[in-house]
mmCIF file of all heavy atoms, coordinates in Angstrom:
data_MODEL
# 
_entry.id   MODEL 
# 
loop_
_atom_site.group_PDB 
_atom_site.id 
_atom_site.type_symbol 
_atom_site.label_atom_id 
_atom_site.label_alt_id 
_atom_site.label_comp_id 
_atom_site.label_asym_id 
_atom_site.label_entity_id 
_atom_site.label_seq_id 
_atom_site.pdbx_PDB_ins_code 
_atom_site.Cartn_x 
_atom_site.Cartn_y 
_atom_site.Cartn_z 
_atom_site.occupancy 
_atom_site.B_iso_or_equiv 
_atom_site.pdbx_formal_charge 
_atom_site.auth_seq_id 
_atom_site.auth_comp_id 
_atom_site.auth_asym_id 
_atom_site.auth_atom_id 
_atom_site.pdbx_PDB_model_num 
ATOM 1   N N   . LEU A 1 1  ? -2.652  -12.200 -4.507 1.00 0.00 ? 1  LEU A N   1 
ATOM 2   C CA  . LEU A 1 1  ? -1.858  -12.995 -3.679 1.00 0.00 ? 1  LEU A CA  1 
ATOM 3   C C   . LEU A 1 1  ? -2.697  -13.927 -2.812 1.00 0.00 ? 1  LEU A C   1 
ATOM 4   O O   . LEU A 1 1  ? -2.154  -14.608 -1.925 1.00 0.00 ? 1  LEU A O   1 
ATOM 5   C CB  . LEU A 1 1  ? -0.970  -12.027 -2.702 1.00 0.00 ? 1  LEU A CB  1 
ATOM 6   C CG  . LEU A 1 1  ? -0.064  -11.152 -3.516 1.00 0.00 ? 1  LEU A CG  1 
ATOM 7   C CD1 . LEU A 1 1  ? 0.719   -10.306 -2.490 1.00 0.00 ? 1  LEU A CD1 1 
ATOM 8   C CD2 . LEU A 1 1  ? 1.001   -12.019 -4.206 1.00 0.00 ? 1  LEU A CD2 1 
ATOM 9   N N   . GLY A 1 2  ? -3.931  -14.109 -3.288 1.00 0.00 ? 2  GLY A N   1 
ATOM 10  C CA  . GLY A 1 2  ? -4.873  -15.091 -2.545 1.00 0.00 ? 2  GLY A CA  1 
ATOM 11  C C   . GLY A 1 2  ? -5.032  -14.776 -1.064 1.00 0.00 ? 2  GLY A C   1 
ATOM 12  O O   . GLY A 1 2  ? -5.190  -15.694 -0.277 1.00 0.00 ? 2  GLY A O   1 
ATOM 13  N N   . GLY A 1 3  ? -5.099  -13.571 -0.795 1.00 0.00 ? 3  GLY A N   1 
ATOM 14  C CA  . GLY A 1 3  ? -5.230  -13.126 0.551  1.00 0.00 ? 3  GLY A CA  1 
ATOM 15  C C   . GLY A 1 3  ? -3.999  -13.240 1.567  1.00 0.00 ? 3  GLY A C   1 
ATOM 16  O O   . GLY A 1 3  ? -4.030  -12.870 2.657  1.00 0.00 ? 3  GLY A O   1 
ATOM 17  N N   . ASN A 1 4  ? -2.946  -13.728 0.944  1.00 0.00 ? 4  ASN A N   1 
ATOM 18  C CA  . ASN A 1 4  ? -1.600  -13.871 1.684  1.00 0.00 ? 4  ASN A CA  1 
ATOM 19  C C   . ASN A 1 4  ? -0.818  -12.706 1.419  1.00 0.00 ? 4  ASN A C   1 
ATOM 20  O O   . ASN A 1 4  ? 0.208   -12.764 0.649  1.00 0.00 ? 4  ASN A O   1 
ATOM 21  C CB  . ASN A 1 4  ? -0.918  -15.039 1.277  1.00 0.00 ? 4  ASN A CB  1 
ATOM 22  C CG  . ASN A 1 4  ? -1.655  -16.300 1.665  1.00 0.00 ? 4  ASN A CG  1 
ATOM 23  O OD1 . ASN A 1 4  ? -2.308  -16.471 2.648  1.00 0.00 ? 4  ASN A OD1 1 
ATOM 24  N ND2 . ASN A 1 4  ? -1.905  -17.253 0.569  1.00 0.00 ? 4  ASN A ND2 1 
ATOM 25  N N   . LEU A 1 5  ? -1.009  -11.573 2.197  1.00 0.00 ? 5  LEU A N   1 
ATOM 26  C CA  . LEU A 1 5  ? -0.213  -10.342 1.888  1.00 0.00 ? 5  LEU A CA  1 
ATOM 27  C C   . LEU A 1 5  ? 1.134   -10.477 2.465  1.00 0.00 ? 5  LEU A C   1 
ATOM 28  O O   . LEU A 1 5  ? 1.373   -11.163 3.495  1.00 0.00 ? 5  LEU A O   1 
ATOM 29  C CB  . LEU A 1 5  ? -1.065  -9.118  2.462  1.00 0.00 ? 5  LEU A CB  1 
ATOM 30  C CG  . LEU A 1 5  ? -2.287  -8.777  1.723  1.00 0.00 ? 5  LEU A CG  1 
ATOM 31  C CD1 . LEU A 1 5  ? -2.983  -7.560  2.367  1.00 0.00 ? 5  LEU A CD1 1 
ATOM 32  C CD2 . LEU A 1 5  ? -1.948  -8.473  0.305  1.00 0.00 ? 5  LEU A CD2 1 
ATOM 33  N N   . PRO A 1 6  ? 2.042   -9.653  1.923  1.00 0.00 ? 6  PRO A N   1 
ATOM 34  C CA  . PRO A 1 6  ? 3.408   -9.767  2.408  1.00 0.00 ? 6  PRO A CA  1 
ATOM 35  C C   . PRO A 1 6  ? 3.568   -8.919  3.766  1.00 0.00 ? 6  PRO A C   1 
ATOM 36  O O   . PRO A 1 6  ? 2.591   -8.212  4.124  1.00 0.00 ? 6  PRO A O   1 
ATOM 37  C CB  . PRO A 1 6  ? 4.147   -8.912  1.295  1.00 0.00 ? 6  PRO A CB  1 
ATOM 38  C CG  . PRO A 1 6  ? 3.308   -7.958  0.732  1.00 0.00 ? 6  PRO A CG  1 
ATOM 39  C CD  . PRO A 1 6  ? 1.927   -8.783  0.840  1.00 0.00 ? 6  PRO A CD  1 
ATOM 40  N N   . GLU A 1 7  ? 4.612   -9.006  4.396  1.00 0.00 ? 7  GLU A N   1 
ATOM 41  C CA  . GLU A 1 7  ? 4.888   -8.356  5.661  1.00 0.00 ? 7  GLU A CA  1 
ATOM 42  C C   . GLU A 1 7  ? 4.952   -6.823  5.411  1.00 0.00 ? 7  GLU A C   1 
ATOM 43  O O   . GLU A 1 7  ? 4.418   -6.069  6.256  1.00 0.00 ? 7  GLU A O   1 
ATOM 44  C CB  . GLU A 1 7  ? 6.158   -8.765  6.212  1.00 0.00 ? 7  GLU A CB  1 
ATOM 45  C CG  . GLU A 1 7  ? 6.440   -8.197  7.561  1.00 0.00 ? 7  GLU A CG  1 
ATOM 46  C CD  . GLU A 1 7  ? 7.830   -8.682  8.134  1.00 0.00 ? 7  GLU A CD  1 
ATOM 47  O OE1 . GLU A 1 7  ? 8.296   -9.790  7.754  1.00 0.00 ? 7  GLU A OE1 1 
ATOM 48  O OE2 . GLU A 1 7  ? 8.282   -7.961  8.981  1.00 0.00 ? 7  GLU A OE2 1 
ATOM 49  N N   . ALA A 1 8  ? 5.531   -6.381  4.302  1.00 0.00 ? 8  ALA A N   1 
ATOM 50  C CA  . ALA A 1 8  ? 5.668   -4.940  3.998  1.00 0.00 ? 8  ALA A CA  1 
ATOM 51  C C   . ALA A 1 8  ? 5.468   -4.700  2.465  1.00 0.00 ? 8  ALA A C   1 
ATOM 52  O O   . ALA A 1 8  ? 5.497   -5.507  1.726  1.00 0.00 ? 8  ALA A O   1 
ATOM 53  C CB  . ALA A 1 8  ? 7.196   -4.534  4.231  1.00 0.00 ? 8  ALA A CB  1 
ATOM 54  N N   . ILE A 1 9  ? 5.007   -3.479  2.159  1.00 0.00 ? 9  ILE A N   1 
ATOM 55  C CA  . ILE A 1 9  ? 4.747   -2.953  0.927  1.00 0.00 ? 9  ILE A CA  1 
ATOM 56  C C   . ILE A 1 9  ? 5.408   -1.593  0.782  1.00 0.00 ? 9  ILE A C   1 
ATOM 57  O O   . ILE A 1 9  ? 5.241   -0.763  1.607  1.00 0.00 ? 9  ILE A O   1 
ATOM 58  C CB  . ILE A 1 9  ? 3.290   -2.766  0.689  1.00 0.00 ? 9  ILE A CB  1 
ATOM 59  C CG1 . ILE A 1 9  ? 2.564   -4.133  0.839  1.00 0.00 ? 9  ILE A CG1 1 
ATOM 60  C CG2 . ILE A 1 9  ? 3.016   -2.162  -0.718 1.00 0.00 ? 9  ILE A CG2 1 
ATOM 61  C CD1 . ILE A 1 9  ? 1.083   -4.087  0.769  1.00 0.00 ? 9  ILE A CD1 1 
ATOM 62  N N   . LEU A 1 10 ? 6.254   -1.583  -0.279 1.00 0.00 ? 10 LEU A N   1 
ATOM 63  C CA  . LEU A 1 10 ? 7.114   -0.364  -0.506 1.00 0.00 ? 10 LEU A CA  1 
ATOM 64  C C   . LEU A 1 10 ? 6.418   0.517   -1.650 1.00 0.00 ? 10 LEU A C   1 
ATOM 65  O O   . LEU A 1 10 ? 6.084   -0.029  -2.667 1.00 0.00 ? 10 LEU A O   1 
ATOM 66  C CB  . LEU A 1 10 ? 8.470   -0.658  -0.925 1.00 0.00 ? 10 LEU A CB  1 
ATOM 67  C CG  . LEU A 1 10 ? 9.379   -1.257  0.097  1.00 0.00 ? 10 LEU A CG  1 
ATOM 68  C CD1 . LEU A 1 10 ? 9.184   -2.760  0.287  1.00 0.00 ? 10 LEU A CD1 1 
ATOM 69  C CD2 . LEU A 1 10 ? 10.899  -0.880  -0.127 1.00 0.00 ? 10 LEU A CD2 1 
ATOM 70  N N   . LEU A 1 11 ? 6.135   1.731   -1.305 1.00 0.00 ? 11 LEU A N   1 
ATOM 71  C CA  . LEU A 1 11 ? 5.324   2.588   -2.235 1.00 0.00 ? 11 LEU A CA  1 
ATOM 72  C C   . LEU A 1 11 ? 6.105   3.994   -2.282 1.00 0.00 ? 11 LEU A C   1 
ATOM 73  O O   . LEU A 1 11 ? 6.447   4.607   -1.370 1.00 0.00 ? 11 LEU A O   1 
ATOM 74  C CB  . LEU A 1 11 ? 3.967   2.833   -1.574 1.00 0.00 ? 11 LEU A CB  1 
ATOM 75  C CG  . LEU A 1 11 ? 3.177   1.811   -1.157 1.00 0.00 ? 11 LEU A CG  1 
ATOM 76  C CD1 . LEU A 1 11 ? 2.180   2.150   -0.177 1.00 0.00 ? 11 LEU A CD1 1 
ATOM 77  C CD2 . LEU A 1 11 ? 2.421   1.170   -2.486 1.00 0.00 ? 11 LEU A CD2 1 
ATOM 78  N N   . PRO A 1 12 ? 6.284   4.480   -3.547 1.00 0.00 ? 12 PRO A N   1 
ATOM 79  C CA  . PRO A 1 12 ? 6.739   5.818   -3.723 1.00 0.00 ? 12 PRO A CA  1 
ATOM 80  C C   . PRO A 1 12 ? 5.769   6.752   -3.193 1.00 0.00 ? 12 PRO A C   1 
ATOM 81  O O   . PRO A 1 12 ? 4.503   6.592   -3.311 1.00 0.00 ? 12 PRO A O   1 
ATOM 82  C CB  . PRO A 1 12 ? 6.915   5.933   -5.323 1.00 0.00 ? 12 PRO A CB  1 
ATOM 83  C CG  . PRO A 1 12 ? 6.101   4.885   -5.894 1.00 0.00 ? 12 PRO A CG  1 
ATOM 84  C CD  . PRO A 1 12 ? 5.876   3.753   -4.995 1.00 0.00 ? 12 PRO A CD  1 
ATOM 85  N N   . ALA A 1 13 ? 6.261   7.753   -2.552 1.00 0.00 ? 13 ALA A N   1 
ATOM 86  C CA  . ALA A 1 13 ? 5.349   8.746   -1.782 1.00 0.00 ? 13 ALA A CA  1 
ATOM 87  C C   . ALA A 1 13 ? 5.777   10.246  -2.077 1.00 0.00 ? 13 ALA A C   1 
ATOM 88  O O   . ALA A 1 13 ? 6.919   10.503  -1.692 1.00 0.00 ? 13 ALA A O   1 
ATOM 89  C CB  . ALA A 1 13 ? 5.268   8.414   -0.382 1.00 0.00 ? 13 ALA A CB  1 
ATOM 90  N N   . GLY A 1 14 ? 4.865   10.953  -2.743 1.00 0.00 ? 14 GLY A N   1 
ATOM 91  C CA  . GLY A 1 14 ? 5.046   12.435  -2.958 1.00 0.00 ? 14 GLY A CA  1 
ATOM 92  C C   . GLY A 1 14 ? 3.873   12.975  -2.127 1.00 0.00 ? 14 GLY A C   1 
ATOM 93  O O   . GLY A 1 14 ? 3.977   13.433  -0.965 1.00 0.00 ? 14 GLY A O   1 
ATOM 94  N N   . ASN A 1 15 ? 2.733   13.174  -2.774 1.00 0.00 ? 15 ASN A N   1 
ATOM 95  C CA  . ASN A 1 15 ? 1.560   13.618  -2.163 1.00 0.00 ? 15 ASN A CA  1 
ATOM 96  C C   . ASN A 1 15 ? 0.839   12.582  -1.415 1.00 0.00 ? 15 ASN A C   1 
ATOM 97  O O   . ASN A 1 15 ? -0.079  12.891  -0.565 1.00 0.00 ? 15 ASN A O   1 
ATOM 98  C CB  . ASN A 1 15 ? 0.440   14.056  -3.191 1.00 0.00 ? 15 ASN A CB  1 
ATOM 99  C CG  . ASN A 1 15 ? 0.857   15.623  -3.544 1.00 0.00 ? 15 ASN A CG  1 
ATOM 100 O OD1 . ASN A 1 15 ? 1.059   16.345  -2.641 1.00 0.00 ? 15 ASN A OD1 1 
ATOM 101 N ND2 . ASN A 1 15 ? 0.866   15.881  -4.909 1.00 0.00 ? 15 ASN A ND2 1 
ATOM 102 N N   . GLY A 1 16 ? 1.225   11.357  -1.459 1.00 0.00 ? 16 GLY A N   1 
ATOM 103 C CA  . GLY A 1 16 ? 0.833   10.160  -0.743 1.00 0.00 ? 16 GLY A CA  1 
ATOM 104 C C   . GLY A 1 16 ? -0.524  9.625   -1.168 1.00 0.00 ? 16 GLY A C   1 
ATOM 105 O O   . GLY A 1 16 ? -1.182  8.918   -0.405 1.00 0.00 ? 16 GLY A O   1 
ATOM 106 N N   . THR A 1 17 ? -0.855  9.802   -2.418 1.00 0.00 ? 17 THR A N   1 
ATOM 107 C CA  . THR A 1 17 ? -2.150  9.409   -2.886 1.00 0.00 ? 17 THR A CA  1 
ATOM 108 C C   . THR A 1 17 ? -2.283  7.760   -2.944 1.00 0.00 ? 17 THR A C   1 
ATOM 109 O O   . THR A 1 17 ? -3.292  7.269   -2.486 1.00 0.00 ? 17 THR A O   1 
ATOM 110 C CB  . THR A 1 17 ? -2.541  9.886   -4.249 1.00 0.00 ? 17 THR A CB  1 
ATOM 111 O OG1 . THR A 1 17 ? -1.487  9.587   -5.160 1.00 0.00 ? 17 THR A OG1 1 
ATOM 112 C CG2 . THR A 1 17 ? -2.869  11.351  -4.201 1.00 0.00 ? 17 THR A CG2 1 
ATOM 113 N N   . LEU A 1 18 ? -1.180  7.173   -3.280 1.00 0.00 ? 18 LEU A N   1 
ATOM 114 C CA  . LEU A 1 18 ? -1.211  5.695   -3.299 1.00 0.00 ? 18 LEU A CA  1 
ATOM 115 C C   . LEU A 1 18 ? -1.164  5.155   -1.757 1.00 0.00 ? 18 LEU A C   1 
ATOM 116 O O   . LEU A 1 18 ? -1.857  4.134   -1.510 1.00 0.00 ? 18 LEU A O   1 
ATOM 117 C CB  . LEU A 1 18 ? -0.052  5.081   -4.090 1.00 0.00 ? 18 LEU A CB  1 
ATOM 118 C CG  . LEU A 1 18 ? 0.001   3.617   -4.277 1.00 0.00 ? 18 LEU A CG  1 
ATOM 119 C CD1 . LEU A 1 18 ? -1.406  3.021   -4.769 1.00 0.00 ? 18 LEU A CD1 1 
ATOM 120 C CD2 . LEU A 1 18 ? 1.051   3.200   -5.221 1.00 0.00 ? 18 LEU A CD2 1 
ATOM 121 N N   . LEU A 1 19 ? -0.271  5.744   -1.088 1.00 0.00 ? 19 LEU A N   1 
ATOM 122 C CA  . LEU A 1 19 ? -0.171  5.335   0.453  1.00 0.00 ? 19 LEU A CA  1 
ATOM 123 C C   . LEU A 1 19 ? -1.425  5.472   1.117  1.00 0.00 ? 19 LEU A C   1 
ATOM 124 O O   . LEU A 1 19 ? -1.951  4.544   1.756  1.00 0.00 ? 19 LEU A O   1 
ATOM 125 C CB  . LEU A 1 19 ? 0.874   6.148   1.072  1.00 0.00 ? 19 LEU A CB  1 
ATOM 126 C CG  . LEU A 1 19 ? 1.087   5.889   2.546  1.00 0.00 ? 19 LEU A CG  1 
ATOM 127 C CD1 . LEU A 1 19 ? 1.824   4.707   2.785  1.00 0.00 ? 19 LEU A CD1 1 
ATOM 128 C CD2 . LEU A 1 19 ? 1.948   7.182   3.049  1.00 0.00 ? 19 LEU A CD2 1 
ATOM 129 N N   . ILE A 1 20 ? -2.138  6.599   0.952  1.00 0.00 ? 20 ILE A N   1 
ATOM 130 C CA  . ILE A 1 20 ? -3.495  6.817   1.605  1.00 0.00 ? 20 ILE A CA  1 
ATOM 131 C C   . ILE A 1 20 ? -4.562  5.817   1.018  1.00 0.00 ? 20 ILE A C   1 
ATOM 132 O O   . ILE A 1 20 ? -5.248  5.226   1.817  1.00 0.00 ? 20 ILE A O   1 
ATOM 133 C CB  . ILE A 1 20 ? -3.890  8.213   1.344  1.00 0.00 ? 20 ILE A CB  1 
ATOM 134 C CG1 . ILE A 1 20 ? -2.997  9.230   2.173  1.00 0.00 ? 20 ILE A CG1 1 
ATOM 135 C CG2 . ILE A 1 20 ? -5.354  8.471   1.829  1.00 0.00 ? 20 ILE A CG2 1 
ATOM 136 C CD1 . ILE A 1 20 ? -3.096  10.707  1.766  1.00 0.00 ? 20 ILE A CD1 1 
ATOM 137 N N   . GLY A 1 21 ? -4.488  5.658   -0.229 1.00 0.00 ? 21 GLY A N   1 
ATOM 138 C CA  . GLY A 1 21 ? -5.514  4.857   -0.892 1.00 0.00 ? 21 GLY A CA  1 
ATOM 139 C C   . GLY A 1 21 ? -5.210  3.340   -0.437 1.00 0.00 ? 21 GLY A C   1 
ATOM 140 O O   . GLY A 1 21 ? -6.256  2.568   -0.070 1.00 0.00 ? 21 GLY A O   1 
ATOM 141 N N   . ALA A 1 22 ? -4.025  2.834   -0.320 1.00 0.00 ? 22 ALA A N   1 
ATOM 142 C CA  . ALA A 1 22 ? -3.702  1.605   0.104  1.00 0.00 ? 22 ALA A CA  1 
ATOM 143 C C   . ALA A 1 22 ? -4.213  1.383   1.512  1.00 0.00 ? 22 ALA A C   1 
ATOM 144 O O   . ALA A 1 22 ? -4.801  0.316   1.854  1.00 0.00 ? 22 ALA A O   1 
ATOM 145 C CB  . ALA A 1 22 ? -2.258  1.357   -0.007 1.00 0.00 ? 22 ALA A CB  1 
ATOM 146 N N   . ALA A 1 23 ? -3.931  2.359   2.361  1.00 0.00 ? 23 ALA A N   1 
ATOM 147 C CA  . ALA A 1 23 ? -4.374  2.348   3.796  1.00 0.00 ? 23 ALA A CA  1 
ATOM 148 C C   . ALA A 1 23 ? -5.871  2.167   3.897  1.00 0.00 ? 23 ALA A C   1 
ATOM 149 O O   . ALA A 1 23 ? -6.383  1.302   4.630  1.00 0.00 ? 23 ALA A O   1 
ATOM 150 C CB  . ALA A 1 23 ? -3.826  3.487   4.600  1.00 0.00 ? 23 ALA A CB  1 
ATOM 151 N N   . ILE A 1 24 ? -6.567  2.959   3.075  1.00 0.00 ? 24 ILE A N   1 
ATOM 152 C CA  . ILE A 1 24 ? -8.001  2.817   3.196  1.00 0.00 ? 24 ILE A CA  1 
ATOM 153 C C   . ILE A 1 24 ? -8.442  1.466   2.697  1.00 0.00 ? 24 ILE A C   1 
ATOM 154 O O   . ILE A 1 24 ? -9.369  0.863   3.315  1.00 0.00 ? 24 ILE A O   1 
ATOM 155 C CB  . ILE A 1 24 ? -8.719  3.865   2.234  1.00 0.00 ? 24 ILE A CB  1 
ATOM 156 C CG1 . ILE A 1 24 ? -8.448  5.312   2.771  1.00 0.00 ? 24 ILE A CG1 1 
ATOM 157 C CG2 . ILE A 1 24 ? -10.217 3.674   2.000  1.00 0.00 ? 24 ILE A CG2 1 
ATOM 158 C CD1 . ILE A 1 24 ? -8.851  6.406   1.770  1.00 0.00 ? 24 ILE A CD1 1 
ATOM 159 N N   . GLY A 1 25 ? -7.905  0.899   1.622  1.00 0.00 ? 25 GLY A N   1 
ATOM 160 C CA  . GLY A 1 25 ? -8.282  -0.444  1.139  1.00 0.00 ? 25 GLY A CA  1 
ATOM 161 C C   . GLY A 1 25 ? -7.978  -1.575  2.195  1.00 0.00 ? 25 GLY A C   1 
ATOM 162 O O   . GLY A 1 25 ? -8.716  -2.352  2.408  1.00 0.00 ? 25 GLY A O   1 
# 
């Protein structure tokens, strides 16, 4: 996205691995 991130990102969450990883990134 060329550094222009959206206001919100919707992620499926069970154990939260993508949510946690995204937050770290």
